[in-house]
Amino acid sequence: MGLPPLKYIAVTERGKRGGRYHHHITVNGGIDRDTLESMWEYGYANSRRLQFTEDGLAGLGNYIVKSPVGGKAWTASKNLVDPEPRTRDGRISGSKARELAKSLECGEKFAKFESLYPGYLMSAAEAFHNDVNGGCYLVARFYRKDGKFIRLKQKPTWKQKKREGRKKHENE
C-alpha cells in the first residue's frame, strides 16, 4: 500500500455494562478510515478523526486511560519519538508563581498568565503547594490564538431544554 510506518497508542478497556473488552487506538494517517475499519476482523470497528479542542487532545487522553485492563494504562509502538521535556522557562519566579496561584484562587481570569505568553490563550490552570519544600507549582494549558480547533458542543442544561420545549410548544 505504500503507507508510512505505523505509529500508535492503544489501551484495552472492559465495558461497564456487559464487561465486553474493547480497544481505543490512535494511529497515524495514511490510510482511509473505511479501509482501516474493514480490515478489523474481531467484531465492531468505529473510527473518528482526531479533533483538537482548546485543550488539545487532553480530553482524549483522559478518556482512553480511565479504566484500563492490566497494570499499565497504555501501550505504544516502538517508533514513537518522545518530545524533549521542557520545564521552567525562567519567566516565572517563585514570588510570581505565588501571585499567579493567588489569582487563580480568587477566581480571576487568565489575563495575568496570558500576558506572559503573547500569542497564546490559556484554557486551564491549576496551582499546587508543596508543604515539604514550600514550593508553589503551576500547571497551565495554553493554545495558540491562531490555532485551528473545534469548539465542543456543550450538553444543554435542564433550563435550556425547558426553554427549547416552550419555544417548540409556542410554534405548534
Protein backbone atom coordinates (compact mmCIF):
# COMPACT_ATOMS: atom_id res chain seq x y z
CA MET A 1 0.00 0.00 0.00
CA GLY A 2 2.99 2.33 0.33
CA LEU A 3 1.97 3.58 3.79
CA PRO A 4 4.27 5.31 6.26
CA PRO A 5 5.44 3.18 9.23
CA LEU A 6 2.57 2.58 11.64
CA LYS A 7 2.65 4.64 14.84
CA TYR A 8 0.04 4.10 17.51
CA ILE A 9 -1.02 4.50 21.13
CA ALA A 10 -3.56 1.98 22.42
CA VAL A 11 -5.42 0.98 25.57
CA THR A 12 -7.68 -2.01 26.25
CA GLU A 13 -10.76 -1.40 28.35
CA ARG A 14 -13.51 -3.58 29.77
CA GLY A 15 -17.03 -2.20 29.30
CA LYS A 16 -19.03 -1.39 32.44
CA ARG A 17 -22.38 -2.76 31.26
CA GLY A 18 -21.60 -6.04 29.56
CA GLY A 19 -17.98 -6.50 30.51
CA ARG A 20 -17.06 -6.51 26.82
CA TYR A 21 -13.39 -5.85 26.11
CA HIS A 22 -12.61 -3.20 23.55
CA HIS A 23 -9.67 -1.12 22.38
CA HIS A 24 -9.05 2.57 21.93
CA ILE A 25 -6.28 3.12 19.39
CA THR A 26 -4.89 6.33 17.95
CA VAL A 27 -2.90 5.75 14.75
CA ASN A 28 -1.01 7.96 12.32
CA GLY A 29 -2.53 8.83 8.96
CA GLY A 30 -2.02 7.47 5.51
CA ILE A 31 -4.96 5.07 5.37
CA ASP A 32 -8.63 5.74 4.74
CA ARG A 33 -10.79 5.20 7.84
CA ASP A 34 -13.25 2.96 5.95
CA THR A 35 -10.37 0.76 4.76
CA LEU A 36 -8.98 0.54 8.28
CA GLU A 37 -12.38 -0.44 9.71
CA SER A 38 -12.88 -3.10 7.04
CA MET A 39 -9.53 -4.69 7.97
CA TRP A 40 -10.60 -5.29 11.60
CA GLU A 41 -11.73 -8.92 11.95
CA TYR A 42 -12.74 -9.09 15.61
CA GLY A 43 -16.18 -7.50 15.90
CA TYR A 44 -17.24 -3.90 15.54
CA ALA A 45 -14.91 -1.15 14.41
CA ASN A 46 -15.67 2.55 14.63
CA SER A 47 -13.16 5.28 13.83
CA ARG A 48 -13.23 9.03 14.11
CA ARG A 49 -10.89 11.77 13.00
CA LEU A 50 -8.88 13.42 15.80
CA GLN A 51 -10.37 16.76 16.70
CA PHE A 52 -8.32 19.30 18.59
CA THR A 53 -10.09 21.48 21.13
CA GLU A 54 -8.81 24.40 23.21
CA ASP A 55 -7.34 21.71 25.49
CA GLY A 56 -5.63 19.93 22.61
CA LEU A 57 -6.10 16.19 22.95
CA ALA A 58 -6.17 16.16 26.76
CA GLY A 59 -9.82 15.04 26.79
CA LEU A 60 -8.99 12.08 24.55
CA GLY A 61 -6.05 11.12 26.73
CA ASN A 62 -8.15 11.24 29.89
CA TYR A 63 -10.90 9.21 28.24
CA ILE A 64 -8.78 6.36 26.97
CA VAL A 65 -6.95 5.77 30.26
CA LYS A 66 -9.96 5.99 32.56
CA SER A 67 -10.24 2.25 33.34
CA PRO A 68 -7.56 0.20 31.60
CA VAL A 69 -7.23 -3.56 31.79
CA GLY A 70 -3.99 -4.82 33.33
CA GLY A 71 -1.29 -2.95 35.19
CA LYS A 72 -0.23 -0.46 32.54
CA ALA A 73 -2.71 2.08 31.26
CA TRP A 74 -1.48 2.19 27.66
CA THR A 75 0.91 0.77 25.11
CA ALA A 76 2.57 2.38 22.12
CA SER A 77 4.56 1.49 19.03
CA LYS A 78 8.33 1.49 19.49
CA ASN A 79 8.87 4.07 16.73
CA LEU A 80 7.21 6.96 18.57
CA VAL A 81 9.61 9.76 19.45
CA ASP A 82 9.24 11.22 22.93
CA PRO A 83 9.25 15.02 22.88
CA GLU A 84 12.02 16.75 24.79
CA PRO A 85 10.62 17.68 28.21
CA ARG A 86 10.51 21.39 28.88
CA THR A 87 10.38 22.67 32.41
CA ARG A 88 10.79 26.06 33.94
CA ASP A 89 11.17 28.53 31.12
CA GLY A 90 12.50 31.17 33.51
CA ARG A 91 9.63 33.59 33.03
CA ILE A 92 8.13 32.99 36.45
CA SER A 93 9.96 33.47 39.75
CA GLY A 94 8.78 31.88 42.99
CA SER A 95 7.08 35.08 44.12
CA LYS A 96 5.41 35.50 40.70
CA ALA A 97 4.20 31.86 40.87
CA ARG A 98 2.61 32.54 44.27
CA GLU A 99 0.99 35.71 42.88
CA LEU A 100 -0.42 33.78 39.91
CA ALA A 101 -1.63 30.96 42.18
CA LYS A 102 -3.43 33.52 44.34
CA SER A 103 -5.11 35.00 41.25
CA LEU A 104 -6.46 31.51 40.42
CA GLU A 105 -7.80 31.09 43.96
CA CYS A 106 -9.55 34.46 43.71
CA GLY A 107 -11.29 33.39 40.51
CA GLU A 108 -9.58 35.95 38.34
CA LYS A 109 -9.44 35.33 34.62
CA PHE A 110 -6.29 34.14 32.92
CA ALA A 111 -5.08 37.58 31.76
CA LYS A 112 -2.06 37.56 34.10
CA PHE A 113 -0.88 34.25 32.66
CA GLU A 114 -1.62 35.22 29.07
CA SER A 115 0.40 38.45 29.39
CA LEU A 116 3.50 36.29 29.96
CA TYR A 117 2.96 34.38 26.70
CA PRO A 118 1.87 36.73 23.88
CA GLY A 119 0.15 34.93 21.01
CA TYR A 120 -1.34 32.29 23.31
CA LEU A 121 -4.58 31.96 25.22
CA MET A 122 -4.96 29.78 28.29
CA SER A 123 -7.62 27.09 28.53
CA ALA A 124 -6.88 25.71 32.01
CA ALA A 125 -4.62 26.22 35.02
CA GLU A 126 -4.05 24.73 38.45
CA ALA A 127 -1.79 25.66 41.32
CA PHE A 128 -0.23 23.27 43.83
CA HIS A 129 1.64 23.99 47.04
CA ASN A 130 4.29 21.56 48.29
CA ASP A 131 4.33 21.51 52.10
CA VAL A 132 7.68 19.70 52.15
CA ASN A 133 9.77 22.21 50.22
CA GLY A 134 7.41 25.22 50.34
CA GLY A 135 7.32 25.42 46.54
CA CYS A 136 4.43 26.71 44.50
CA TYR A 137 3.81 24.78 41.29
CA LEU A 138 1.66 25.86 38.37
CA VAL A 139 0.26 23.67 35.62
CA ALA A 140 -1.19 25.65 32.73
CA ARG A 141 -2.53 24.65 29.33
CA PHE A 142 -2.29 27.19 26.50
CA TYR A 143 -3.28 27.19 22.86
CA ARG A 144 -2.21 29.46 20.02
CA LYS A 145 -4.51 32.36 19.26
CA ASP A 146 -4.33 31.48 15.57
CA GLY A 147 -4.68 27.73 16.24
CA LYS A 148 -7.27 25.65 14.42
CA PHE A 149 -9.52 23.64 16.69
CA ILE A 150 -13.15 22.79 17.23
CA ARG A 151 -15.34 24.15 19.95
CA LEU A 152 -17.10 21.30 21.69
CA LYS A 153 -20.86 21.46 21.80
CA GLN A 154 -21.93 21.65 25.39
CA LYS A 155 -24.75 19.43 26.58
CA PRO A 156 -27.80 21.61 27.15
CA THR A 157 -28.71 22.30 30.76
CA TRP A 158 -32.20 21.43 32.00
CA LYS A 159 -33.08 25.16 31.81
CA GLN A 160 -32.08 25.27 28.13
CA LYS A 161 -34.07 22.10 27.42
CA LYS A 162 -37.11 23.59 29.19
CA ARG A 163 -36.76 26.83 27.19
CA GLU A 164 -36.47 24.89 23.91
CA GLY A 165 -39.55 22.86 24.86
CA ARG A 166 -41.54 26.05 25.44
CA LYS A 167 -40.41 27.52 22.12
CA LYS A 168 -41.38 24.32 20.30
CA HIS A 169 -44.81 24.33 22.04
CA GLU A 170 -45.40 28.01 21.15
CA ASN A 171 -44.64 27.33 17.46
CA GLU A 172 -47.18 24.49 17.21
